[in-house]
Amino acid sequence: MVSRVASENAKLSDKLLGVLAFIIVVGAVGGYYYLTEYSLLLRIFGLLIGSSVAVVVALRTTFGKLIWSQWLEAVQETRKIYWPTRQETVQTTLAVLAMVFVMGILLWSADFLLLRAVKWLTGHWGV
């Protein structure tokens, strides 16, 4: 019974924090457009501060904690990636360019020969 009440309180807390984050974002955007007599720099700064506060509030929810843990796992996995050296990158790029050039020549040759064959078969040499 106690865990059920705690679960319902957590759900209510998550909803309240979500609504609070939404209200903060709406307030920041509304302030940006309502306070047009102030400089653009101050309004953008206020918008960034409001958005940052809303993100911090949203990260306090269960869903926000899940998103944050996913982000940390993605960063951790990114650190495990093998990044090629400059020499490997240059060699791979040159190999790809060479293959593109060779395939271009082969396709151009096939197109040229097929065009000649079609002209010979249809008798349109003079066109």
N, C-alpha and C. Protein backbone atom coordinates (compact mmCIF):
# COMPACT_ATOMS: atom_id res chain seq x y z
N MET A 1 0.82 -1.20 0.00
CA MET A 1 0.00 0.00 0.00
C MET A 1 0.86 1.25 0.00
N VAL A 2 1.94 1.22 0.77
CA VAL A 2 2.81 2.39 0.86
C VAL A 2 3.51 2.66 -0.47
N SER A 3 3.95 1.57 -1.15
CA SER A 3 4.64 1.76 -2.43
C SER A 3 3.68 2.32 -3.48
N ARG A 4 2.40 1.93 -3.38
CA ARG A 4 1.43 2.45 -4.34
C ARG A 4 1.21 3.95 -4.13
N VAL A 5 1.16 4.37 -2.89
CA VAL A 5 1.01 5.79 -2.58
C VAL A 5 2.24 6.56 -3.03
N ALA A 6 3.42 5.99 -2.80
CA ALA A 6 4.66 6.64 -3.24
C ALA A 6 4.71 6.75 -4.75
N SER A 7 4.21 5.71 -5.44
CA SER A 7 4.19 5.73 -6.90
C SER A 7 3.23 6.81 -7.41
N GLU A 8 2.08 6.92 -6.77
CA GLU A 8 1.12 7.95 -7.18
C GLU A 8 1.67 9.35 -6.89
N ASN A 9 2.38 9.50 -5.77
CA ASN A 9 3.01 10.79 -5.46
C ASN A 9 4.09 11.14 -6.47
N ALA A 10 4.85 10.12 -6.91
CA ALA A 10 5.89 10.36 -7.91
C ALA A 10 5.26 10.78 -9.24
N LYS A 11 4.15 10.13 -9.60
CA LYS A 11 3.46 10.49 -10.85
C LYS A 11 2.92 11.92 -10.77
N LEU A 12 2.36 12.26 -9.62
CA LEU A 12 1.83 13.61 -9.43
C LEU A 12 2.97 14.63 -9.47
N SER A 13 4.07 14.29 -8.83
CA SER A 13 5.24 15.17 -8.83
C SER A 13 5.77 15.38 -10.25
N ASP A 14 5.83 14.28 -11.02
CA ASP A 14 6.28 14.38 -12.41
C ASP A 14 5.35 15.28 -13.22
N LYS A 15 4.06 15.13 -13.02
CA LYS A 15 3.11 15.96 -13.76
C LYS A 15 3.25 17.43 -13.39
N LEU A 16 3.39 17.68 -12.09
CA LEU A 16 3.55 19.07 -11.65
C LEU A 16 4.84 19.69 -12.18
N LEU A 17 5.92 18.93 -12.14
CA LEU A 17 7.18 19.44 -12.67
C LEU A 17 7.09 19.66 -14.18
N GLY A 18 6.40 18.78 -14.89
CA GLY A 18 6.21 18.96 -16.33
C GLY A 18 5.41 20.20 -16.64
N VAL A 19 4.35 20.42 -15.88
CA VAL A 19 3.53 21.62 -16.08
C VAL A 19 4.34 22.87 -15.74
N LEU A 20 5.12 22.79 -14.67
CA LEU A 20 5.97 23.94 -14.29
C LEU A 20 6.98 24.26 -15.39
N ALA A 21 7.62 23.23 -15.95
CA ALA A 21 8.58 23.45 -17.03
C ALA A 21 7.88 24.09 -18.23
N PHE A 22 6.69 23.62 -18.55
CA PHE A 22 5.93 24.18 -19.67
C PHE A 22 5.58 25.65 -19.41
N ILE A 23 5.15 25.94 -18.19
CA ILE A 23 4.80 27.32 -17.84
C ILE A 23 6.03 28.23 -17.93
N ILE A 24 7.18 27.71 -17.51
CA ILE A 24 8.41 28.51 -17.59
C ILE A 24 8.76 28.81 -19.05
N VAL A 25 8.63 27.82 -19.92
CA VAL A 25 8.93 28.03 -21.35
C VAL A 25 7.95 29.02 -21.95
N VAL A 26 6.68 28.86 -21.65
CA VAL A 26 5.67 29.78 -22.18
C VAL A 26 5.93 31.19 -21.67
N GLY A 27 6.30 31.31 -20.40
CA GLY A 27 6.62 32.62 -19.83
C GLY A 27 7.83 33.25 -20.48
N ALA A 28 8.85 32.44 -20.75
CA ALA A 28 10.06 32.96 -21.38
C ALA A 28 9.77 33.44 -22.80
N VAL A 29 9.01 32.64 -23.55
CA VAL A 29 8.67 33.04 -24.92
C VAL A 29 7.74 34.25 -24.91
N GLY A 30 6.78 34.24 -24.01
CA GLY A 30 5.88 35.38 -23.90
C GLY A 30 6.62 36.65 -23.51
N GLY A 31 7.56 36.53 -22.58
CA GLY A 31 8.37 37.68 -22.19
C GLY A 31 9.20 38.20 -23.34
N TYR A 32 9.71 37.29 -24.15
CA TYR A 32 10.51 37.69 -25.32
C TYR A 32 9.68 38.58 -26.25
N TYR A 33 8.44 38.20 -26.50
CA TYR A 33 7.60 38.96 -27.42
C TYR A 33 6.92 40.15 -26.76
N TYR A 34 6.64 40.06 -25.47
CA TYR A 34 5.93 41.14 -24.77
C TYR A 34 6.86 42.31 -24.46
N LEU A 35 8.11 42.02 -24.16
CA LEU A 35 9.05 43.07 -23.74
C LEU A 35 9.86 43.60 -24.93
N THR A 36 9.17 44.01 -25.97
CA THR A 36 9.86 44.46 -27.18
C THR A 36 10.58 45.79 -27.00
N GLU A 37 10.26 46.55 -25.95
CA GLU A 37 10.94 47.83 -25.75
C GLU A 37 12.37 47.63 -25.22
N TYR A 38 12.69 46.43 -24.75
CA TYR A 38 14.05 46.13 -24.29
C TYR A 38 14.89 45.64 -25.46
N SER A 39 16.20 45.68 -25.29
CA SER A 39 17.10 45.30 -26.38
C SER A 39 16.95 43.81 -26.71
N LEU A 40 17.25 43.50 -27.94
CA LEU A 40 17.14 42.13 -28.43
C LEU A 40 18.08 41.21 -27.64
N LEU A 41 19.25 41.70 -27.32
CA LEU A 41 20.22 40.90 -26.58
C LEU A 41 19.67 40.49 -25.21
N LEU A 42 19.04 41.41 -24.50
CA LEU A 42 18.47 41.10 -23.19
C LEU A 42 17.31 40.11 -23.32
N ARG A 43 16.49 40.28 -24.34
CA ARG A 43 15.37 39.37 -24.53
C ARG A 43 15.85 37.96 -24.86
N ILE A 44 16.87 37.86 -25.70
CA ILE A 44 17.42 36.54 -26.04
C ILE A 44 18.06 35.91 -24.80
N PHE A 45 18.77 36.71 -24.02
CA PHE A 45 19.39 36.22 -22.80
C PHE A 45 18.31 35.70 -21.84
N GLY A 46 17.22 36.44 -21.70
CA GLY A 46 16.11 36.00 -20.85
C GLY A 46 15.48 34.72 -21.36
N LEU A 47 15.35 34.61 -22.67
CA LEU A 47 14.79 33.41 -23.27
C LEU A 47 15.69 32.20 -23.01
N LEU A 48 17.00 32.40 -23.13
CA LEU A 48 17.94 31.31 -22.87
C LEU A 48 17.93 30.90 -21.41
N ILE A 49 17.87 31.87 -20.51
CA ILE A 49 17.83 31.57 -19.07
C ILE A 49 16.54 30.82 -18.75
N GLY A 50 15.41 31.30 -19.25
CA GLY A 50 14.13 30.63 -19.00
C GLY A 50 14.11 29.21 -19.54
N SER A 51 14.63 29.04 -20.75
CA SER A 51 14.67 27.70 -21.34
C SER A 51 15.59 26.78 -20.53
N SER A 52 16.71 27.30 -20.08
CA SER A 52 17.63 26.49 -19.28
C SER A 52 16.99 26.06 -17.96
N VAL A 53 16.29 26.98 -17.32
CA VAL A 53 15.60 26.64 -16.07
C VAL A 53 14.53 25.59 -16.34
N ALA A 54 13.81 25.71 -17.44
CA ALA A 54 12.78 24.73 -17.78
C ALA A 54 13.38 23.36 -18.03
N VAL A 55 14.54 23.31 -18.67
CA VAL A 55 15.21 22.02 -18.91
C VAL A 55 15.63 21.40 -17.58
N VAL A 56 16.19 22.21 -16.69
CA VAL A 56 16.59 21.69 -15.38
C VAL A 56 15.39 21.15 -14.62
N VAL A 57 14.29 21.86 -14.66
CA VAL A 57 13.07 21.40 -13.99
C VAL A 57 12.57 20.11 -14.64
N ALA A 58 12.58 20.04 -15.97
CA ALA A 58 12.10 18.86 -16.68
C ALA A 58 13.00 17.65 -16.41
N LEU A 59 14.28 17.87 -16.20
CA LEU A 59 15.19 16.75 -15.92
C LEU A 59 14.97 16.16 -14.54
N ARG A 60 14.20 16.81 -13.70
CA ARG A 60 13.89 16.29 -12.37
C ARG A 60 12.78 15.24 -12.41
N THR A 61 12.08 15.13 -13.55
CA THR A 61 11.00 14.14 -13.68
C THR A 61 11.60 12.77 -13.98
N THR A 62 10.79 11.75 -13.87
CA THR A 62 11.24 10.39 -14.18
C THR A 62 11.64 10.29 -15.64
N PHE A 63 10.83 10.85 -16.51
CA PHE A 63 11.15 10.83 -17.94
C PHE A 63 12.42 11.62 -18.22
N GLY A 64 12.59 12.76 -17.56
CA GLY A 64 13.79 13.57 -17.74
C GLY A 64 15.04 12.82 -17.29
N LYS A 65 14.92 12.09 -16.17
CA LYS A 65 16.06 11.29 -15.70
C LYS A 65 16.40 10.19 -16.69
N LEU A 66 15.37 9.59 -17.30
CA LEU A 66 15.59 8.57 -18.32
C LEU A 66 16.30 9.16 -19.53
N ILE A 67 15.86 10.32 -19.98
CA ILE A 67 16.50 10.99 -21.12
C ILE A 67 17.96 11.31 -20.79
N TRP A 68 18.21 11.81 -19.58
CA TRP A 68 19.57 12.17 -19.18
C TRP A 68 20.47 10.94 -19.14
N SER A 69 19.95 9.82 -18.62
CA SER A 69 20.76 8.60 -18.59
C SER A 69 21.05 8.10 -20.00
N GLN A 70 20.08 8.22 -20.90
CA GLN A 70 20.32 7.84 -22.30
C GLN A 70 21.39 8.72 -22.93
N TRP A 71 21.35 10.01 -22.61
CA TRP A 71 22.36 10.93 -23.13
C TRP A 71 23.75 10.54 -22.64
N LEU A 72 23.87 10.23 -21.36
CA LEU A 72 25.17 9.85 -20.79
C LEU A 72 25.68 8.55 -21.41
N GLU A 73 24.78 7.61 -21.67
CA GLU A 73 25.18 6.37 -22.33
C GLU A 73 25.65 6.63 -23.76
N ALA A 74 24.98 7.53 -24.46
CA ALA A 74 25.39 7.86 -25.83
C ALA A 74 26.77 8.51 -25.83
N VAL A 75 27.03 9.38 -24.88
CA VAL A 75 28.35 10.01 -24.79
C VAL A 75 29.41 8.96 -24.49
N GLN A 76 29.09 8.04 -23.58
CA GLN A 76 30.03 6.98 -23.23
C GLN A 76 30.32 6.09 -24.44
N GLU A 77 29.31 5.76 -25.23
CA GLU A 77 29.52 4.94 -26.42
C GLU A 77 30.32 5.69 -27.49
N THR A 78 30.11 7.00 -27.57
CA THR A 78 30.85 7.79 -28.54
C THR A 78 32.34 7.77 -28.23
N ARG A 79 32.68 7.71 -26.97
CA ARG A 79 34.10 7.66 -26.59
C ARG A 79 34.74 6.34 -26.97
N LYS A 80 33.95 5.29 -27.20
CA LYS A 80 34.48 3.99 -27.57
C LYS A 80 34.75 3.85 -29.06
N ILE A 81 34.29 4.81 -29.84
CA ILE A 81 34.42 4.73 -31.30
C ILE A 81 35.89 4.84 -31.69
N TYR A 82 36.29 4.01 -32.65
CA TYR A 82 37.64 4.11 -33.20
C TYR A 82 37.60 5.16 -34.30
N TRP A 83 38.32 6.25 -34.08
CA TRP A 83 38.38 7.31 -35.07
C TRP A 83 39.64 7.13 -35.90
N PRO A 84 39.54 7.12 -37.22
CA PRO A 84 40.72 6.90 -38.06
C PRO A 84 41.70 8.07 -37.97
N THR A 85 42.96 7.72 -38.22
CA THR A 85 43.98 8.77 -38.23
C THR A 85 43.84 9.59 -39.51
N ARG A 86 44.59 10.68 -39.57
CA ARG A 86 44.54 11.53 -40.76
C ARG A 86 45.02 10.75 -41.99
N GLN A 87 46.09 9.97 -41.82
CA GLN A 87 46.62 9.20 -42.94
C GLN A 87 45.59 8.18 -43.44
N GLU A 88 44.92 7.49 -42.54
CA GLU A 88 43.90 6.52 -42.94
C GLU A 88 42.74 7.21 -43.67
N THR A 89 42.37 8.38 -43.19
CA THR A 89 41.29 9.13 -43.83
C THR A 89 41.66 9.55 -45.24
N VAL A 90 42.88 10.05 -45.41
CA VAL A 90 43.35 10.47 -46.73
C VAL A 90 43.42 9.28 -47.68
N GLN A 91 43.97 8.16 -47.20
CA GLN A 91 44.09 6.97 -48.05
C GLN A 91 42.71 6.46 -48.48
N THR A 92 41.78 6.42 -47.55
CA THR A 92 40.43 5.95 -47.88
C THR A 92 39.75 6.89 -48.87
N THR A 93 39.92 8.19 -48.66
CA THR A 93 39.33 9.17 -49.57
C THR A 93 39.90 9.03 -50.97
N LEU A 94 41.21 8.87 -51.08
CA LEU A 94 41.83 8.69 -52.40
C LEU A 94 41.36 7.40 -53.06
N ALA A 95 41.20 6.32 -52.29
CA ALA A 95 40.71 5.06 -52.86
C ALA A 95 39.28 5.23 -53.38
N VAL A 96 38.45 5.93 -52.64
CA VAL A 96 37.07 6.16 -53.08
C VAL A 96 37.05 7.01 -54.35
N LEU A 97 37.84 8.08 -54.38
CA LEU A 97 37.90 8.93 -55.58
C LEU A 97 38.39 8.15 -56.79
N ALA A 98 39.40 7.28 -56.60
CA ALA A 98 39.91 6.47 -57.71
C ALA A 98 38.82 5.53 -58.22
N MET A 99 38.09 4.89 -57.31
CA MET A 99 37.02 3.98 -57.73
C MET A 99 35.89 4.73 -58.45
N VAL A 100 35.58 5.92 -57.98
CA VAL A 100 34.55 6.72 -58.65
C VAL A 100 35.00 7.07 -60.05
N PHE A 101 36.26 7.44 -60.20
CA PHE A 101 36.80 7.78 -61.53
C PHE A 101 36.76 6.55 -62.45
N VAL A 102 37.22 5.40 -61.96
CA VAL A 102 37.24 4.18 -62.77
C VAL A 102 35.82 3.78 -63.17
N MET A 103 34.89 3.81 -62.21
CA MET A 103 33.51 3.44 -62.53
C MET A 103 32.89 4.45 -63.50
N GLY A 104 33.24 5.72 -63.36
CA GLY A 104 32.75 6.73 -64.30
C GLY A 104 33.21 6.44 -65.72
N ILE A 105 34.49 6.11 -65.87
CA ILE A 105 35.02 5.77 -67.19
C ILE A 105 34.33 4.52 -67.74
N LEU A 106 34.15 3.49 -66.90
CA LEU A 106 33.49 2.26 -67.36
C LEU A 106 32.05 2.53 -67.79
N LEU A 107 31.32 3.28 -66.99
CA LEU A 107 29.92 3.57 -67.34
C LEU A 107 29.83 4.45 -68.59
N TRP A 108 30.74 5.42 -68.70
CA TRP A 108 30.74 6.25 -69.90
C TRP A 108 31.04 5.40 -71.13
N SER A 109 31.99 4.48 -71.01
CA SER A 109 32.33 3.60 -72.14
C SER A 109 31.15 2.72 -72.53
N ALA A 110 30.47 2.15 -71.51
CA ALA A 110 29.32 1.30 -71.80
C ALA A 110 28.22 2.12 -72.47
N ASP A 111 27.99 3.33 -71.99
CA ASP A 111 26.97 4.20 -72.58
C ASP A 111 27.33 4.53 -74.03
N PHE A 112 28.59 4.86 -74.26
CA PHE A 112 29.06 5.22 -75.59
C PHE A 112 28.87 4.05 -76.55
N LEU A 113 29.27 2.83 -76.11
CA LEU A 113 29.14 1.66 -76.97
C LEU A 113 27.69 1.29 -77.23
N LEU A 114 26.85 1.39 -76.20
CA LEU A 114 25.43 1.09 -76.40
C LEU A 114 24.77 2.11 -77.33
N LEU A 115 25.15 3.37 -77.22
CA LEU A 115 24.61 4.39 -78.11
C LEU A 115 25.01 4.11 -79.55
N ARG A 116 26.28 3.73 -79.76
CA ARG A 116 26.74 3.40 -81.12
C ARG A 116 25.98 2.19 -81.66
N ALA A 117 25.76 1.20 -80.77
CA ALA A 117 25.05 -0.01 -81.22
C ALA A 117 23.61 0.33 -81.59
N VAL A 118 22.94 1.15 -80.82
CA VAL A 118 21.56 1.52 -81.12
C VAL A 118 21.50 2.32 -82.41
N LYS A 119 22.44 3.24 -82.61
CA LYS A 119 22.47 4.01 -83.86
C LYS A 119 22.70 3.10 -85.06
N TRP A 120 23.60 2.12 -84.91
CA TRP A 120 23.89 1.21 -86.02
C TRP A 120 22.66 0.36 -86.33
N LEU A 121 21.96 -0.12 -85.25
CA LEU A 121 20.79 -0.96 -85.46
C LEU A 121 19.62 -0.19 -86.06
N THR A 122 19.47 1.07 -85.72
CA THR A 122 18.33 1.86 -86.22
C THR A 122 18.68 2.62 -87.48
N GLY A 123 19.94 2.66 -87.84
CA GLY A 123 20.34 3.33 -89.07
C GLY A 123 20.34 4.84 -88.97
N HIS A 124 20.53 5.40 -87.79
CA HIS A 124 20.54 6.84 -87.58
C HIS A 124 21.97 7.37 -87.41
N TRP A 125 22.85 7.02 -88.29
CA TRP A 125 24.24 7.46 -88.16
C TRP A 125 24.37 8.96 -88.44
N GLY A 126 23.56 9.46 -89.32
CA GLY A 126 23.71 10.85 -89.73
C GLY A 126 23.07 11.84 -88.78
N VAL A 127 22.31 11.42 -87.80
CA VAL A 127 21.58 12.32 -86.92
C VAL A 127 22.45 12.78 -85.79
